[in-house]
mmCIF file of all heavy atoms, coordinates in Angstrom:
data_MODEL
# 
_entry.id   MODEL 
# 
loop_
_atom_site.group_PDB 
_atom_site.id 
_atom_site.type_symbol 
_atom_site.label_atom_id 
_atom_site.label_alt_id 
_atom_site.label_comp_id 
_atom_site.label_asym_id 
_atom_site.label_entity_id 
_atom_site.label_seq_id 
_atom_site.pdbx_PDB_ins_code 
_atom_site.Cartn_x 
_atom_site.Cartn_y 
_atom_site.Cartn_z 
_atom_site.occupancy 
_atom_site.B_iso_or_equiv 
_atom_site.pdbx_formal_charge 
_atom_site.auth_seq_id 
_atom_site.auth_comp_id 
_atom_site.auth_asym_id 
_atom_site.auth_atom_id 
_atom_site.pdbx_PDB_model_num 
ATOM 1   N N   . ILE A 1 1  ? 49.428 30.907 -32.166 1.00 0.00 ? 1  ILE A N   1 
ATOM 2   C CA  . ILE A 1 1  ? 50.748 30.854 -31.541 1.00 0.00 ? 1  ILE A CA  1 
ATOM 3   C C   . ILE A 1 1  ? 50.595 30.616 -30.038 1.00 0.00 ? 1  ILE A C   1 
ATOM 4   O O   . ILE A 1 1  ? 49.892 31.368 -29.348 1.00 0.00 ? 1  ILE A O   1 
ATOM 5   C CB  . ILE A 1 1  ? 51.533 32.164 -31.774 1.00 0.00 ? 1  ILE A CB  1 
ATOM 6   C CG1 . ILE A 1 1  ? 51.602 32.489 -33.270 1.00 0.00 ? 1  ILE A CG1 1 
ATOM 7   C CG2 . ILE A 1 1  ? 52.929 32.063 -31.164 1.00 0.00 ? 1  ILE A CG2 1 
ATOM 8   C CD1 . ILE A 1 1  ? 52.356 31.484 -34.101 1.00 0.00 ? 1  ILE A CD1 1 
ATOM 9   N N   . PHE A 1 2  ? 51.258 29.577 -29.544 1.00 0.00 ? 2  PHE A N   1 
ATOM 10  C CA  . PHE A 1 2  ? 51.196 29.217 -28.134 1.00 0.00 ? 2  PHE A CA  1 
ATOM 11  C C   . PHE A 1 2  ? 52.584 29.294 -27.502 1.00 0.00 ? 2  PHE A C   1 
ATOM 12  O O   . PHE A 1 2  ? 53.598 29.022 -28.161 1.00 0.00 ? 2  PHE A O   1 
ATOM 13  C CB  . PHE A 1 2  ? 50.675 27.786 -27.966 1.00 0.00 ? 2  PHE A CB  1 
ATOM 14  C CG  . PHE A 1 2  ? 49.238 27.588 -28.356 1.00 0.00 ? 2  PHE A CG  1 
ATOM 15  C CD1 . PHE A 1 2  ? 48.899 27.266 -29.663 1.00 0.00 ? 2  PHE A CD1 1 
ATOM 16  C CD2 . PHE A 1 2  ? 48.230 27.714 -27.421 1.00 0.00 ? 2  PHE A CD2 1 
ATOM 17  C CE1 . PHE A 1 2  ? 47.579 27.068 -30.031 1.00 0.00 ? 2  PHE A CE1 1 
ATOM 18  C CE2 . PHE A 1 2  ? 46.906 27.524 -27.772 1.00 0.00 ? 2  PHE A CE2 1 
ATOM 19  C CZ  . PHE A 1 2  ? 46.574 27.203 -29.083 1.00 0.00 ? 2  PHE A CZ  1 
ATOM 20  N N   . ASP A 1 3  ? 52.614 29.622 -26.226 1.00 0.00 ? 3  ASP A N   1 
ATOM 21  C CA  . ASP A 1 3  ? 53.830 29.525 -25.418 1.00 0.00 ? 3  ASP A CA  1 
ATOM 22  C C   . ASP A 1 3  ? 53.787 28.178 -24.703 1.00 0.00 ? 3  ASP A C   1 
ATOM 23  O O   . ASP A 1 3  ? 52.814 27.887 -23.989 1.00 0.00 ? 3  ASP A O   1 
ATOM 24  C CB  . ASP A 1 3  ? 53.886 30.670 -24.415 1.00 0.00 ? 3  ASP A CB  1 
ATOM 25  C CG  . ASP A 1 3  ? 55.149 30.631 -23.566 1.00 0.00 ? 3  ASP A CG  1 
ATOM 26  O OD1 . ASP A 1 3  ? 56.207 30.225 -24.093 1.00 0.00 ? 3  ASP A OD1 1 
ATOM 27  O OD2 . ASP A 1 3  ? 55.081 30.988 -22.369 1.00 0.00 ? 3  ASP A OD2 1 
ATOM 28  N N   . THR A 1 4  ? 54.803 27.331 -24.909 1.00 0.00 ? 4  THR A N   1 
ATOM 29  C CA  . THR A 1 4  ? 54.808 25.983 -24.346 1.00 0.00 ? 4  THR A CA  1 
ATOM 30  C C   . THR A 1 4  ? 56.146 25.686 -23.672 1.00 0.00 ? 4  THR A C   1 
ATOM 31  O O   . THR A 1 4  ? 57.094 26.471 -23.764 1.00 0.00 ? 4  THR A O   1 
ATOM 32  C CB  . THR A 1 4  ? 54.573 24.924 -25.447 1.00 0.00 ? 4  THR A CB  1 
ATOM 33  O OG1 . THR A 1 4  ? 55.787 24.731 -26.188 1.00 0.00 ? 4  THR A OG1 1 
ATOM 34  C CG2 . THR A 1 4  ? 53.468 25.338 -26.408 1.00 0.00 ? 4  THR A CG2 1 
ATOM 35  N N   . ALA A 1 5  ? 56.236 24.524 -23.047 1.00 0.00 ? 5  ALA A N   1 
ATOM 36  C CA  . ALA A 1 5  ? 57.495 24.087 -22.437 1.00 0.00 ? 5  ALA A CA  1 
ATOM 37  C C   . ALA A 1 5  ? 58.563 23.835 -23.484 1.00 0.00 ? 5  ALA A C   1 
ATOM 38  O O   . ALA A 1 5  ? 59.756 23.757 -23.155 1.00 0.00 ? 5  ALA A O   1 
ATOM 39  C CB  . ALA A 1 5  ? 57.251 22.815 -21.621 1.00 0.00 ? 5  ALA A CB  1 
ATOM 40  N N   . ALA A 1 6  ? 58.168 23.717 -24.754 1.00 0.00 ? 6  ALA A N   1 
ATOM 41  C CA  . ALA A 1 6  ? 59.119 23.549 -25.858 1.00 0.00 ? 6  ALA A CA  1 
ATOM 42  C C   . ALA A 1 6  ? 59.323 24.863 -26.601 1.00 0.00 ? 6  ALA A C   1 
ATOM 43  O O   . ALA A 1 6  ? 59.795 24.865 -27.736 1.00 0.00 ? 6  ALA A O   1 
ATOM 44  C CB  . ALA A 1 6  ? 58.614 22.482 -26.817 1.00 0.00 ? 6  ALA A CB  1 
ATOM 45  N N   . GLY A 1 7  ? 58.999 25.976 -25.968 1.00 0.00 ? 7  GLY A N   1 
ATOM 46  C CA  . GLY A 1 7  ? 59.117 27.276 -26.621 1.00 0.00 ? 7  GLY A CA  1 
ATOM 47  C C   . GLY A 1 7  ? 57.882 27.587 -27.448 1.00 0.00 ? 7  GLY A C   1 
ATOM 48  O O   . GLY A 1 7  ? 56.848 26.918 -27.333 1.00 0.00 ? 7  GLY A O   1 
ATOM 49  N N   . PRO A 1 8  ? 57.958 28.580 -28.320 1.00 0.00 ? 8  PRO A N   1 
ATOM 50  C CA  . PRO A 1 8  ? 56.798 28.919 -29.155 1.00 0.00 ? 8  PRO A CA  1 
ATOM 51  C C   . PRO A 1 8  ? 56.381 27.750 -30.038 1.00 0.00 ? 8  PRO A C   1 
ATOM 52  O O   . PRO A 1 8  ? 57.215 27.038 -30.581 1.00 0.00 ? 8  PRO A O   1 
ATOM 53  C CB  . PRO A 1 8  ? 57.306 30.100 -29.999 1.00 0.00 ? 8  PRO A CB  1 
ATOM 54  C CG  . PRO A 1 8  ? 58.434 30.673 -29.218 1.00 0.00 ? 8  PRO A CG  1 
ATOM 55  C CD  . PRO A 1 8  ? 59.089 29.507 -28.536 1.00 0.00 ? 8  PRO A CD  1 
ATOM 56  N N   . MET A 1 9  ? 55.069 27.571 -30.146 1.00 0.00 ? 9  MET A N   1 
ATOM 57  C CA  . MET A 1 9  ? 54.503 26.547 -31.026 1.00 0.00 ? 9  MET A CA  1 
ATOM 58  C C   . MET A 1 9  ? 53.402 27.191 -31.854 1.00 0.00 ? 9  MET A C   1 
ATOM 59  O O   . MET A 1 9  ? 52.595 27.957 -31.322 1.00 0.00 ? 9  MET A O   1 
ATOM 60  C CB  . MET A 1 9  ? 53.903 25.391 -30.220 1.00 0.00 ? 9  MET A CB  1 
ATOM 61  C CG  . MET A 1 9  ? 53.142 24.370 -31.073 1.00 0.00 ? 9  MET A CG  1 
ATOM 62  S SD  . MET A 1 9  ? 52.268 23.098 -30.094 1.00 0.00 ? 9  MET A SD  1 
ATOM 63  C CE  . MET A 1 9  ? 50.906 24.056 -29.411 1.00 0.00 ? 9  MET A CE  1 
ATOM 64  N N   . ALA A 1 10 ? 53.367 26.903 -33.144 1.00 0.00 ? 10 ALA A N   1 
ATOM 65  C CA  . ALA A 1 10 ? 52.278 27.354 -34.005 1.00 0.00 ? 10 ALA A CA  1 
ATOM 66  C C   . ALA A 1 10 ? 51.413 26.158 -34.377 1.00 0.00 ? 10 ALA A C   1 
ATOM 67  O O   . ALA A 1 10 ? 51.921 25.110 -34.761 1.00 0.00 ? 10 ALA A O   1 
ATOM 68  C CB  . ALA A 1 10 ? 52.815 28.017 -35.267 1.00 0.00 ? 10 ALA A CB  1 
ATOM 69  N N   . MET A 1 11 ? 50.112 26.334 -34.245 1.00 0.00 ? 11 MET A N   1 
ATOM 70  C CA  . MET A 1 11 ? 49.133 25.377 -34.745 1.00 0.00 ? 11 MET A CA  1 
ATOM 71  C C   . MET A 1 11 ? 48.362 26.118 -35.826 1.00 0.00 ? 11 MET A C   1 
ATOM 72  O O   . MET A 1 11 ? 47.664 27.097 -35.539 1.00 0.00 ? 11 MET A O   1 
ATOM 73  C CB  . MET A 1 11 ? 48.201 24.914 -33.628 1.00 0.00 ? 11 MET A CB  1 
ATOM 74  C CG  . MET A 1 11 ? 48.908 24.138 -32.532 1.00 0.00 ? 11 MET A CG  1 
ATOM 75  S SD  . MET A 1 11 ? 49.337 22.449 -33.037 1.00 0.00 ? 11 MET A SD  1 
ATOM 76  C CE  . MET A 1 11 ? 47.727 21.679 -32.989 1.00 0.00 ? 11 MET A CE  1 
ATOM 77  N N   . ILE A 1 12 ? 48.488 25.663 -37.070 1.00 0.00 ? 12 ILE A N   1 
ATOM 78  C CA  . ILE A 1 12 ? 47.917 26.383 -38.207 1.00 0.00 ? 12 ILE A CA  1 
ATOM 79  C C   . ILE A 1 12 ? 46.803 25.540 -38.818 1.00 0.00 ? 12 ILE A C   1 
ATOM 80  O O   . ILE A 1 12 ? 47.042 24.440 -39.318 1.00 0.00 ? 12 ILE A O   1 
ATOM 81  C CB  . ILE A 1 12 ? 49.002 26.698 -39.252 1.00 0.00 ? 12 ILE A CB  1 
ATOM 82  C CG1 . ILE A 1 12 ? 50.126 27.508 -38.591 1.00 0.00 ? 12 ILE A CG1 1 
ATOM 83  C CG2 . ILE A 1 12 ? 48.399 27.458 -40.433 1.00 0.00 ? 12 ILE A CG2 1 
ATOM 84  C CD1 . ILE A 1 12 ? 51.343 27.705 -39.459 1.00 0.00 ? 12 ILE A CD1 1 
ATOM 85  N N   . LEU A 1 13 ? 45.582 26.049 -38.746 1.00 0.00 ? 13 LEU A N   1 
ATOM 86  C CA  . LEU A 1 13 ? 44.422 25.376 -39.303 1.00 0.00 ? 13 LEU A CA  1 
ATOM 87  C C   . LEU A 1 13 ? 44.196 25.913 -40.712 1.00 0.00 ? 13 LEU A C   1 
ATOM 88  O O   . LEU A 1 13 ? 43.920 27.106 -40.888 1.00 0.00 ? 13 LEU A O   1 
ATOM 89  C CB  . LEU A 1 13 ? 43.191 25.623 -38.425 1.00 0.00 ? 13 LEU A CB  1 
ATOM 90  C CG  . LEU A 1 13 ? 43.347 25.266 -36.940 1.00 0.00 ? 13 LEU A CG  1 
ATOM 91  C CD1 . LEU A 1 13 ? 42.078 25.589 -36.169 1.00 0.00 ? 13 LEU A CD1 1 
ATOM 92  C CD2 . LEU A 1 13 ? 43.718 23.804 -36.763 1.00 0.00 ? 13 LEU A CD2 1 
ATOM 93  N N   . VAL A 1 14 ? 44.336 25.047 -41.706 1.00 0.00 ? 14 VAL A N   1 
ATOM 94  C CA  . VAL A 1 14 ? 44.296 25.452 -43.110 1.00 0.00 ? 14 VAL A CA  1 
ATOM 95  C C   . VAL A 1 14 ? 42.932 25.139 -43.702 1.00 0.00 ? 14 VAL A C   1 
ATOM 96  O O   . VAL A 1 14 ? 42.467 23.999 -43.646 1.00 0.00 ? 14 VAL A O   1 
ATOM 97  C CB  . VAL A 1 14 ? 45.390 24.731 -43.921 1.00 0.00 ? 14 VAL A CB  1 
ATOM 98  C CG1 . VAL A 1 14 ? 45.392 25.225 -45.372 1.00 0.00 ? 14 VAL A CG1 1 
ATOM 99  C CG2 . VAL A 1 14 ? 46.768 24.948 -43.293 1.00 0.00 ? 14 VAL A CG2 1 
ATOM 100 N N   . GLY A 1 15 ? 42.296 26.141 -44.290 1.00 0.00 ? 15 GLY A N   1 
ATOM 101 C CA  . GLY A 1 15 ? 41.022 25.939 -44.956 1.00 0.00 ? 15 GLY A CA  1 
ATOM 102 C C   . GLY A 1 15 ? 41.210 25.264 -46.293 1.00 0.00 ? 15 GLY A C   1 
ATOM 103 O O   . GLY A 1 15 ? 42.320 25.096 -46.790 1.00 0.00 ? 15 GLY A O   1 
ATOM 104 N N   . ALA A 1 16 ? 40.089 24.860 -46.912 1.00 0.00 ? 16 ALA A N   1 
ATOM 105 C CA  . ALA A 1 16 ? 40.160 24.148 -48.189 1.00 0.00 ? 16 ALA A CA  1 
ATOM 106 C C   . ALA A 1 16 ? 38.824 24.243 -48.908 1.00 0.00 ? 16 ALA A C   1 
ATOM 107 O O   . ALA A 1 16 ? 37.856 24.780 -48.369 1.00 0.00 ? 16 ALA A O   1 
ATOM 108 C CB  . ALA A 1 16 ? 40.530 22.686 -47.955 1.00 0.00 ? 16 ALA A CB  1 
ATOM 109 N N   . MET A 1 17 ? 38.786 23.706 -50.121 1.00 0.00 ? 17 MET A N   1 
ATOM 110 C CA  . MET A 1 17 ? 37.568 23.684 -50.925 1.00 0.00 ? 17 MET A CA  1 
ATOM 111 C C   . MET A 1 17 ? 36.419 23.059 -50.144 1.00 0.00 ? 17 MET A C   1 
ATOM 112 O O   . MET A 1 17 ? 36.576 22.000 -49.554 1.00 0.00 ? 17 MET A O   1 
ATOM 113 C CB  . MET A 1 17 ? 37.815 22.897 -52.210 1.00 0.00 ? 17 MET A CB  1 
ATOM 114 C CG  . MET A 1 17 ? 36.645 22.859 -53.156 1.00 0.00 ? 17 MET A CG  1 
ATOM 115 S SD  . MET A 1 17 ? 36.460 24.377 -54.095 1.00 0.00 ? 17 MET A SD  1 
ATOM 116 C CE  . MET A 1 17 ? 37.831 24.229 -55.248 1.00 0.00 ? 17 MET A CE  1 
ATOM 117 N N   . ILE A 1 18 ? 35.290 23.730 -50.128 1.00 0.00 ? 18 ILE A N   1 
ATOM 118 C CA  . ILE A 1 18 ? 34.028 23.384 -49.458 1.00 0.00 ? 18 ILE A CA  1 
ATOM 119 C C   . ILE A 1 18 ? 34.156 23.222 -47.946 1.00 0.00 ? 18 ILE A C   1 
ATOM 120 O O   . ILE A 1 18 ? 33.238 22.731 -47.294 1.00 0.00 ? 18 ILE A O   1 
ATOM 121 C CB  . ILE A 1 18 ? 33.310 22.152 -50.070 1.00 0.00 ? 18 ILE A CB  1 
ATOM 122 C CG1 . ILE A 1 18 ? 34.011 20.835 -49.731 1.00 0.00 ? 18 ILE A CG1 1 
ATOM 123 C CG2 . ILE A 1 18 ? 33.098 22.325 -51.562 1.00 0.00 ? 18 ILE A CG2 1 
ATOM 124 C CD1 . ILE A 1 18 ? 33.223 19.591 -50.124 1.00 0.00 ? 18 ILE A CD1 1 
ATOM 125 N N   . VAL A 1 19 ? 35.265 23.639 -47.332 1.00 0.00 ? 19 VAL A N   1 
ATOM 126 C CA  . VAL A 1 19 ? 35.323 23.690 -45.880 1.00 0.00 ? 19 VAL A CA  1 
ATOM 127 C C   . VAL A 1 19 ? 34.405 24.815 -45.432 1.00 0.00 ? 19 VAL A C   1 
ATOM 128 O O   . VAL A 1 19 ? 34.587 25.971 -45.814 1.00 0.00 ? 19 VAL A O   1 
ATOM 129 C CB  . VAL A 1 19 ? 36.759 23.919 -45.359 1.00 0.00 ? 19 VAL A CB  1 
ATOM 130 C CG1 . VAL A 1 19 ? 36.758 24.201 -43.859 1.00 0.00 ? 19 VAL A CG1 1 
ATOM 131 C CG2 . VAL A 1 19 ? 37.608 22.694 -45.648 1.00 0.00 ? 19 VAL A CG2 1 
ATOM 132 N N   . ALA A 1 20 ? 33.388 24.470 -44.644 1.00 0.00 ? 20 ALA A N   1 
ATOM 133 C CA  . ALA A 1 20 ? 32.355 25.433 -44.292 1.00 0.00 ? 20 ALA A CA  1 
ATOM 134 C C   . ALA A 1 20 ? 32.746 26.317 -43.113 1.00 0.00 ? 20 ALA A C   1 
ATOM 135 O O   . ALA A 1 20 ? 32.003 27.202 -42.733 1.00 0.00 ? 20 ALA A O   1 
ATOM 136 C CB  . ALA A 1 20 ? 31.055 24.689 -43.976 1.00 0.00 ? 20 ALA A CB  1 
ATOM 137 N N   . GLY A 1 21 ? 33.904 26.093 -42.530 1.00 0.00 ? 21 GLY A N   1 
ATOM 138 C CA  . GLY A 1 21 ? 34.328 26.960 -41.447 1.00 0.00 ? 21 GLY A CA  1 
ATOM 139 C C   . GLY A 1 21 ? 35.421 26.351 -40.599 1.00 0.00 ? 21 GLY A C   1 
ATOM 140 O O   . GLY A 1 21 ? 35.609 25.130 -40.556 1.00 0.00 ? 21 GLY A O   1 
ATOM 141 N N   . ILE A 1 22 ? 36.161 27.234 -39.927 1.00 0.00 ? 22 ILE A N   1 
ATOM 142 C CA  . ILE A 1 22 ? 37.166 26.852 -38.945 1.00 0.00 ? 22 ILE A CA  1 
ATOM 143 C C   . ILE A 1 22 ? 36.704 27.419 -37.602 1.00 0.00 ? 22 ILE A C   1 
ATOM 144 O O   . ILE A 1 22 ? 36.282 28.576 -37.516 1.00 0.00 ? 22 ILE A O   1 
ATOM 145 C CB  . ILE A 1 22 ? 38.549 27.427 -39.308 1.00 0.00 ? 22 ILE A CB  1 
ATOM 146 C CG1 . ILE A 1 22 ? 39.066 26.803 -40.611 1.00 0.00 ? 22 ILE A CG1 1 
ATOM 147 C CG2 . ILE A 1 22 ? 39.554 27.196 -38.186 1.00 0.00 ? 22 ILE A CG2 1 
ATOM 148 C CD1 . ILE A 1 22 ? 40.328 27.459 -41.146 1.00 0.00 ? 22 ILE A CD1 1 
ATOM 149 N N   . GLU A 1 23 ? 36.762 26.618 -36.560 1.00 0.00 ? 23 GLU A N   1 
ATOM 150 C CA  . GLU A 1 23 ? 36.367 27.059 -35.226 1.00 0.00 ? 23 GLU A CA  1 
ATOM 151 C C   . GLU A 1 23 ? 37.511 26.855 -34.242 1.00 0.00 ? 23 GLU A C   1 
ATOM 152 O O   . GLU A 1 23 ? 38.338 25.953 -34.415 1.00 0.00 ? 23 GLU A O   1 
ATOM 153 C CB  . GLU A 1 23 ? 35.154 26.275 -34.717 1.00 0.00 ? 23 GLU A CB  1 
ATOM 154 C CG  . GLU A 1 23 ? 33.865 26.535 -35.468 1.00 0.00 ? 23 GLU A CG  1 
ATOM 155 C CD  . GLU A 1 23 ? 32.680 25.824 -34.835 1.00 0.00 ? 23 GLU A CD  1 
ATOM 156 O OE1 . GLU A 1 23 ? 32.886 25.105 -33.820 1.00 0.00 ? 23 GLU A OE1 1 
ATOM 157 O OE2 . GLU A 1 23 ? 31.559 25.974 -35.339 1.00 0.00 ? 23 GLU A OE2 1 
ATOM 158 N N   . THR A 1 24 ? 37.562 27.696 -33.199 1.00 0.00 ? 24 THR A N   1 
ATOM 159 C CA  . THR A 1 24 ? 38.458 27.473 -32.069 1.00 0.00 ? 24 THR A CA  1 
ATOM 160 C C   . THR A 1 24 ? 37.617 27.394 -30.802 1.00 0.00 ? 24 THR A C   1 
ATOM 161 O O   . THR A 1 24 ? 36.489 27.895 -30.758 1.00 0.00 ? 24 THR A O   1 
ATOM 162 C CB  . THR A 1 24 ? 39.488 28.610 -31.923 1.00 0.00 ? 24 THR A CB  1 
ATOM 163 O OG1 . THR A 1 24 ? 38.808 29.838 -31.614 1.00 0.00 ? 24 THR A OG1 1 
ATOM 164 C CG2 . THR A 1 24 ? 40.307 28.781 -33.197 1.00 0.00 ? 24 THR A CG2 1 
ATOM 165 N N   . VAL A 1 25 ? 38.170 26.768 -29.772 1.00 0.00 ? 25 VAL A N   1 
ATOM 166 C CA  . VAL A 1 25 ? 37.408 26.610 -28.533 1.00 0.00 ? 25 VAL A CA  1 
ATOM 167 C C   . VAL A 1 25 ? 37.292 27.925 -27.775 1.00 0.00 ? 25 VAL A C   1 
ATOM 168 O O   . VAL A 1 25 ? 36.406 28.075 -26.931 1.00 0.00 ? 25 VAL A O   1 
ATOM 169 C CB  . VAL A 1 25 ? 38.039 25.526 -27.625 1.00 0.00 ? 25 VAL A CB  1 
ATOM 170 C CG1 . VAL A 1 25 ? 38.000 24.165 -28.302 1.00 0.00 ? 25 VAL A CG1 1 
ATOM 171 C CG2 . VAL A 1 25 ? 39.476 25.880 -27.231 1.00 0.00 ? 25 VAL A CG2 1 
ATOM 172 N N   . TRP A 1 26 ? 38.169 28.878 -28.050 1.00 0.00 ? 26 TRP A N   1 
ATOM 173 C CA  . TRP A 1 26 ? 38.132 30.146 -27.316 1.00 0.00 ? 26 TRP A CA  1 
ATOM 174 C C   . TRP A 1 26 ? 37.334 31.242 -28.036 1.00 0.00 ? 26 TRP A C   1 
ATOM 175 O O   . TRP A 1 26 ? 36.918 32.214 -27.420 1.00 0.00 ? 26 TRP A O   1 
ATOM 176 C CB  . TRP A 1 26 ? 39.547 30.650 -27.032 1.00 0.00 ? 26 TRP A CB  1 
ATOM 177 C CG  . TRP A 1 26 ? 40.384 30.838 -28.265 1.00 0.00 ? 26 TRP A CG  1 
ATOM 178 C CD1 . TRP A 1 26 ? 40.434 31.914 -29.096 1.00 0.00 ? 26 TRP A CD1 1 
ATOM 179 C CD2 . TRP A 1 26 ? 41.290 29.882 -28.823 1.00 0.00 ? 26 TRP A CD2 1 
ATOM 180 N NE1 . TRP A 1 26 ? 41.295 31.704 -30.131 1.00 0.00 ? 26 TRP A NE1 1 
ATOM 181 C CE2 . TRP A 1 26 ? 41.854 30.468 -29.995 1.00 0.00 ? 26 TRP A CE2 1 
ATOM 182 C CE3 . TRP A 1 26 ? 41.703 28.600 -28.460 1.00 0.00 ? 26 TRP A CE3 1 
ATOM 183 C CZ2 . TRP A 1 26 ? 42.787 29.794 -30.786 1.00 0.00 ? 26 TRP A CZ2 1 
ATOM 184 C CZ3 . TRP A 1 26 ? 42.623 27.942 -29.257 1.00 0.00 ? 26 TRP A CZ3 1 
ATOM 185 C CH2 . TRP A 1 26 ? 43.155 28.545 -30.403 1.00 0.00 ? 26 TRP A CH2 1 
ATOM 186 N N   . ALA A 1 27 ? 37.119 31.098 -29.349 1.00 0.00 ? 27 ALA A N   1 
ATOM 187 C CA  . ALA A 1 27 ? 36.448 32.172 -30.083 1.00 0.00 ? 27 ALA A CA  1 
ATOM 188 C C   . ALA A 1 27 ? 35.316 31.694 -30.972 1.00 0.00 ? 27 ALA A C   1 
ATOM 189 O O   . ALA A 1 27 ? 34.631 32.514 -31.578 1.00 0.00 ? 27 ALA A O   1 
ATOM 190 C CB  . ALA A 1 27 ? 37.463 32.939 -30.930 1.00 0.00 ? 27 ALA A CB  1 
ATOM 191 N N   . GLY A 1 28 ? 35.090 30.384 -31.054 1.00 0.00 ? 28 GLY A N   1 
ATOM 192 C CA  . GLY A 1 28 ? 34.044 29.869 -31.922 1.00 0.00 ? 28 GLY A CA  1 
ATOM 193 C C   . GLY A 1 28 ? 34.413 29.994 -33.392 1.00 0.00 ? 28 GLY A C   1 
ATOM 194 O O   . GLY A 1 28 ? 35.587 29.939 -33.752 1.00 0.00 ? 28 GLY A O   1 
# 
C-alpha cells in the first residue's frame, strides 16, 4: 500500500505455480 498523488494505491504481487519467490526493493 502506497500513499500517492492519486490517493492510496495498492500494488499486489501474486505468486503462482513454480514461482520461486517474490522480492521487493526495500526488503528483499
